[in-house]
């Protein structure tokens, strides 16, 4: 049984590293495009080639775009905090509560 768990952990680590690499590459693809910070701004569709809407994007929108997520979710935890918007306060509470999107990620590592 420990060998199986070790094997699964290695696969999960490889998948995490590939996802992280893809997110970093996506972030780098958005540099030098003239995008400026704008609170509450950014593209809603993670499939768009840029995180900016009207050349503006905020930090949470940028991170969501890099991860291939919409800035708005139907995740219950986020609906409670800000009507489903992925923002700094909700993300901070999420990772500490082990409940929402980020909490599930950290909780899954505790094997």
Protein backbone atom coordinates (compact mmCIF):
# COMPACT_ATOMS: atom_id res chain seq x y z
CA UNK A 1 0.00 0.00 0.00
CA UNK A 2 2.75 2.60 0.78
CA UNK A 3 4.24 2.10 -2.72
CA UNK A 4 0.87 2.86 -4.31
CA UNK A 5 0.48 6.02 -2.22
CA UNK A 6 4.04 7.06 -3.11
CA UNK A 7 3.32 6.46 -6.81
CA UNK A 8 0.09 8.47 -6.65
CA UNK A 9 1.88 11.30 -4.82
CA UNK A 10 4.58 11.41 -7.53
CA UNK A 11 1.94 11.60 -10.28
CA UNK A 12 0.09 14.36 -8.43
CA UNK A 13 3.35 16.27 -7.98
CA UNK A 14 4.14 15.97 -11.69
CA UNK A 15 0.65 17.18 -12.59
CA UNK A 16 0.98 20.09 -10.14
CA UNK A 17 4.33 21.04 -11.67
CA UNK A 18 2.89 20.92 -15.20
CA UNK A 19 -0.05 23.10 -14.13
CA UNK A 20 2.31 25.54 -12.40
CA UNK A 21 4.53 25.71 -15.47
CA UNK A 22 1.52 26.35 -17.71
CA UNK A 23 0.30 29.12 -15.37
CA UNK A 24 3.73 30.79 -15.34
CA UNK A 25 3.98 30.57 -19.12
CA UNK A 26 0.54 32.08 -19.44
CA UNK A 27 1.49 34.90 -17.06
CA UNK A 28 4.63 35.61 -19.07
CA UNK A 29 2.58 35.73 -22.28
CA UNK A 30 0.67 38.69 -20.84
CA UNK A 31 3.72 40.85 -20.16
CA UNK A 32 4.62 43.92 -22.21
CA UNK A 33 1.05 44.35 -23.46
CA UNK A 34 0.47 47.77 -21.89
CA UNK A 35 -1.92 46.42 -19.26
CA UNK A 36 -2.47 48.65 -16.24
CA UNK A 37 -3.89 47.86 -12.81
CA UNK A 38 -7.57 48.60 -12.38
CA UNK A 39 -9.45 47.49 -9.25
CA UNK A 40 -12.30 45.15 -10.18
CA UNK A 41 -11.30 45.01 -13.83
CA UNK A 42 -10.14 42.25 -16.10
CA UNK A 43 -11.40 39.71 -18.57
CA UNK A 44 -14.13 37.30 -17.41
CA UNK A 45 -13.41 34.58 -19.97
CA UNK A 46 -10.25 32.62 -19.13
CA UNK A 47 -10.11 31.51 -22.77
CA UNK A 48 -9.29 35.02 -23.98
CA UNK A 49 -5.69 35.67 -25.02
CA UNK A 50 -5.28 38.49 -22.47
CA UNK A 51 -6.38 38.96 -18.86
CA UNK A 52 -7.14 42.62 -19.53
CA UNK A 53 -10.43 44.25 -20.38
CA UNK A 54 -9.90 47.69 -21.90
CA UNK A 55 -6.17 47.25 -21.11
CA UNK A 56 -6.87 46.98 -17.35
CA UNK A 57 -6.82 44.08 -14.90
CA UNK A 58 -6.57 43.65 -11.15
CA UNK A 59 -4.38 41.13 -9.30
CA UNK A 60 -7.08 38.54 -8.60
CA UNK A 61 -8.29 38.69 -12.18
CA UNK A 62 -4.75 38.20 -13.44
CA UNK A 63 -4.16 35.15 -11.23
CA UNK A 64 -7.54 33.64 -12.15
CA UNK A 65 -6.74 34.12 -15.86
CA UNK A 66 -3.28 32.56 -15.45
CA UNK A 67 -4.91 29.53 -13.80
CA UNK A 68 -7.53 29.31 -16.56
CA UNK A 69 -10.42 30.23 -14.27
CA UNK A 70 -13.18 32.78 -14.58
CA UNK A 71 -13.06 35.60 -12.02
CA UNK A 72 -16.58 34.64 -11.00
CA UNK A 73 -17.49 31.22 -9.65
CA UNK A 74 -20.49 29.35 -8.35
CA UNK A 75 -18.34 27.81 -5.60
CA UNK A 76 -20.43 28.10 -2.41
CA UNK A 77 -17.57 29.54 -0.35
CA UNK A 78 -17.09 32.43 -2.80
CA UNK A 79 -20.82 33.04 -3.21
CA UNK A 80 -20.93 33.60 0.56
CA UNK A 81 -18.06 36.13 0.64
CA UNK A 82 -18.56 38.28 -2.40
CA UNK A 83 -21.36 36.97 -4.57
CA UNK A 84 -19.03 34.51 -6.32
CA UNK A 85 -16.26 36.95 -7.21
CA UNK A 86 -12.72 35.66 -6.78
CA UNK A 87 -10.98 38.48 -4.94
CA UNK A 88 -8.16 38.96 -2.47
CA UNK A 89 -10.25 38.85 0.70
CA UNK A 90 -12.21 35.74 -0.32
CA UNK A 91 -9.06 33.92 -1.47
CA UNK A 92 -7.33 34.76 1.81
CA UNK A 93 -10.27 33.43 3.83
CA UNK A 94 -10.53 30.39 1.54
CA UNK A 95 -6.96 29.23 2.08
CA UNK A 96 -7.26 29.60 5.85
CA UNK A 97 -10.66 27.87 6.04
CA UNK A 98 -9.69 24.83 3.92
CA UNK A 99 -13.13 25.12 2.37
CA UNK A 100 -13.26 26.66 -1.08
CA UNK A 101 -11.12 26.33 -4.18
CA UNK A 102 -7.76 26.99 -2.46
CA UNK A 103 -8.75 25.11 0.67
CA UNK A 104 -9.48 21.98 -1.33
CA UNK A 105 -6.03 22.19 -2.88
CA UNK A 106 -4.25 22.40 0.46
CA UNK A 107 -6.47 19.80 2.11
CA UNK A 108 -5.81 17.28 -0.66
CA UNK A 109 -2.09 17.37 0.19
CA UNK A 110 -2.68 16.12 3.71
CA UNK A 111 -2.49 12.37 3.08
